[in-house]
Amino acid sequence: MSLEEKIKQIRNDVNAAPSEQILEIIEQIQPQFRSELTLEYLKGKIQKIKDISEESERKKQSLTLLPYFDWYLQGL
């Protein structure tokens, strides 16, 4: 399954996607962003989310990163 297909699958059923899957895809698309500020922000945000022990809170925080999926699908 391509990265684009994975993103669309998560967007279609976001509640079924575990936070780890969302973060994994964000890490894969992260190098596509040209802005150093965006890269640093994502790096820090991903680490903060990974440090959260409760899955429900990790999921809630992971969902805040979904606009990056949309930007990736639109060709950045």
C-alpha atoms as a PDB file:
ATOM      1  CA  MET A   1       0.000   0.000   0.000  1.00  0.00           C
ATOM      2  CA  SER A   2       1.390   3.390  -0.966  1.00  0.00           C
ATOM      3  CA  LEU A   3       1.833   6.226   1.491  1.00  0.00           C
ATOM      4  CA  GLU A   4      -0.963   8.143  -0.200  1.00  0.00           C
ATOM      5  CA  GLU A   5      -3.308   5.158   0.182  1.00  0.00           C
ATOM      6  CA  LYS A   6      -2.403   4.838   3.870  1.00  0.00           C
ATOM      7  CA  ILE A   7      -3.160   8.512   4.434  1.00  0.00           C
ATOM      8  CA  LYS A   8      -6.510   8.245   2.673  1.00  0.00           C
ATOM      9  CA  GLN A   9      -7.368   5.132   4.681  1.00  0.00           C
ATOM     10  CA  ILE A  10      -6.697   6.942   7.950  1.00  0.00           C
ATOM     11  CA  ARG A  11      -8.634  10.024   6.801  1.00  0.00           C
ATOM     12  CA  ASN A  12     -11.610   7.783   5.925  1.00  0.00           C
ATOM     13  CA  ASP A  13     -11.712   6.192   9.393  1.00  0.00           C
ATOM     14  CA  VAL A  14      -9.630   8.341  11.706  1.00  0.00           C
ATOM     15  CA  ASN A  15     -11.143   6.821  14.862  1.00  0.00           C
ATOM     16  CA  ALA A  16      -9.846   3.361  13.974  1.00  0.00           C
ATOM     17  CA  ALA A  17      -6.265   4.498  13.378  1.00  0.00           C
ATOM     18  CA  PRO A  18      -3.900   4.064  16.322  1.00  0.00           C
ATOM     19  CA  SER A  19      -1.705   7.008  17.261  1.00  0.00           C
ATOM     20  CA  GLU A  20       1.411   5.029  16.324  1.00  0.00           C
ATOM     21  CA  GLN A  21       0.188   4.693  12.745  1.00  0.00           C
ATOM     22  CA  ILE A  22      -0.528   8.405  12.464  1.00  0.00           C
ATOM     23  CA  LEU A  23       2.895   9.296  13.865  1.00  0.00           C
ATOM     24  CA  GLU A  24       4.619   6.781  11.592  1.00  0.00           C
ATOM     25  CA  ILE A  25       3.115   8.423   8.518  1.00  0.00           C
ATOM     26  CA  ILE A  26       3.930  11.923   9.784  1.00  0.00           C
ATOM     27  CA  GLU A  27       7.554  10.811  10.203  1.00  0.00           C
ATOM     28  CA  GLN A  28       7.550   9.481   6.634  1.00  0.00           C
ATOM     29  CA  ILE A  29       6.208  12.686   5.104  1.00  0.00           C
ATOM     30  CA  GLN A  30       8.164  15.036   7.369  1.00  0.00           C
ATOM     31  CA  PRO A  31      11.209  15.269   5.026  1.00  0.00           C
ATOM     32  CA  GLN A  32       8.896  16.568   2.277  1.00  0.00           C
ATOM     33  CA  PHE A  33       8.319  19.834   4.114  1.00  0.00           C
ATOM     34  CA  ARG A  34      10.765  22.526   3.044  1.00  0.00           C
ATOM     35  CA  SER A  35      10.473  24.878   5.998  1.00  0.00           C
ATOM     36  CA  GLU A  36      13.053  24.278   8.724  1.00  0.00           C
ATOM     37  CA  LEU A  37      10.564  25.656  11.256  1.00  0.00           C
ATOM     38  CA  THR A  38       7.970  23.096  10.196  1.00  0.00           C
ATOM     39  CA  LEU A  39      10.502  20.278  10.416  1.00  0.00           C
ATOM     40  CA  GLU A  40      11.613  21.317  13.900  1.00  0.00           C
ATOM     41  CA  TYR A  41       8.016  21.755  15.052  1.00  0.00           C
ATOM     42  CA  LEU A  42       7.042  18.303  13.829  1.00  0.00           C
ATOM     43  CA  LYS A  43      10.104  16.692  15.348  1.00  0.00           C
ATOM     44  CA  GLY A  44       9.299  18.182  18.753  1.00  0.00           C
ATOM     45  CA  LYS A  45       5.586  17.487  18.515  1.00  0.00           C
ATOM     46  CA  ILE A  46       6.143  13.852  17.542  1.00  0.00           C
ATOM     47  CA  GLN A  47       8.500  13.330  20.476  1.00  0.00           C
ATOM     48  CA  LYS A  48       6.069  14.931  22.924  1.00  0.00           C
ATOM     49  CA  ILE A  49       3.268  12.684  21.696  1.00  0.00           C
ATOM     50  CA  LYS A  50       5.454   9.578  21.946  1.00  0.00           C
ATOM     51  CA  ASP A  51       6.289  10.511  25.548  1.00  0.00           C
ATOM     52  CA  ILE A  52       2.602  10.453  26.551  1.00  0.00           C
ATOM     53  CA  SER A  53       1.776   7.194  28.309  1.00  0.00           C
ATOM     54  CA  GLU A  54      -2.004   7.166  27.886  1.00  0.00           C
ATOM     55  CA  GLU A  55      -3.175   6.080  24.423  1.00  0.00           C
ATOM     56  CA  SER A  56      -6.320   8.223  24.462  1.00  0.00           C
ATOM     57  CA  GLU A  57      -4.250  11.373  25.024  1.00  0.00           C
ATOM     58  CA  ARG A  58      -1.668  10.259  22.405  1.00  0.00           C
ATOM     59  CA  LYS A  59      -4.510   9.767  19.943  1.00  0.00           C
ATOM     60  CA  LYS A  60      -6.013  13.171  20.735  1.00  0.00           C
ATOM     61  CA  GLN A  61      -2.650  14.867  20.185  1.00  0.00           C
ATOM     62  CA  SER A  62      -1.937  12.827  17.039  1.00  0.00           C
ATOM     63  CA  LEU A  63      -5.184  14.021  15.491  1.00  0.00           C
ATOM     64  CA  THR A  64      -3.891  17.600  15.648  1.00  0.00           C
ATOM     65  CA  LEU A  65      -1.324  16.577  13.016  1.00  0.00           C
ATOM     66  CA  LEU A  66      -3.885  15.496  10.400  1.00  0.00           C
ATOM     67  CA  PRO A  67      -3.683  18.791   8.441  1.00  0.00           C
ATOM     68  CA  TYR A  68      -0.169  17.687   7.441  1.00  0.00           C
ATOM     69  CA  PHE A  69      -1.758  14.681   5.730  1.00  0.00           C
ATOM     70  CA  ASP A  70      -3.934  17.042   3.703  1.00  0.00           C
ATOM     71  CA  TRP A  71      -0.963  19.204   2.727  1.00  0.00           C
ATOM     72  CA  TYR A  72       0.947  16.123   1.629  1.00  0.00           C
ATOM     73  CA  LEU A  73      -1.973  14.901  -0.479  1.00  0.00           C
ATOM     74  CA  GLN A  74      -2.289  18.350  -2.091  1.00  0.00           C
ATOM     75  CA  GLY A  75       1.345  18.225  -3.144  1.00  0.00           C
ATOM     76  CA  LEU A  76       2.713  20.404  -0.341  1.00  0.00           C
END
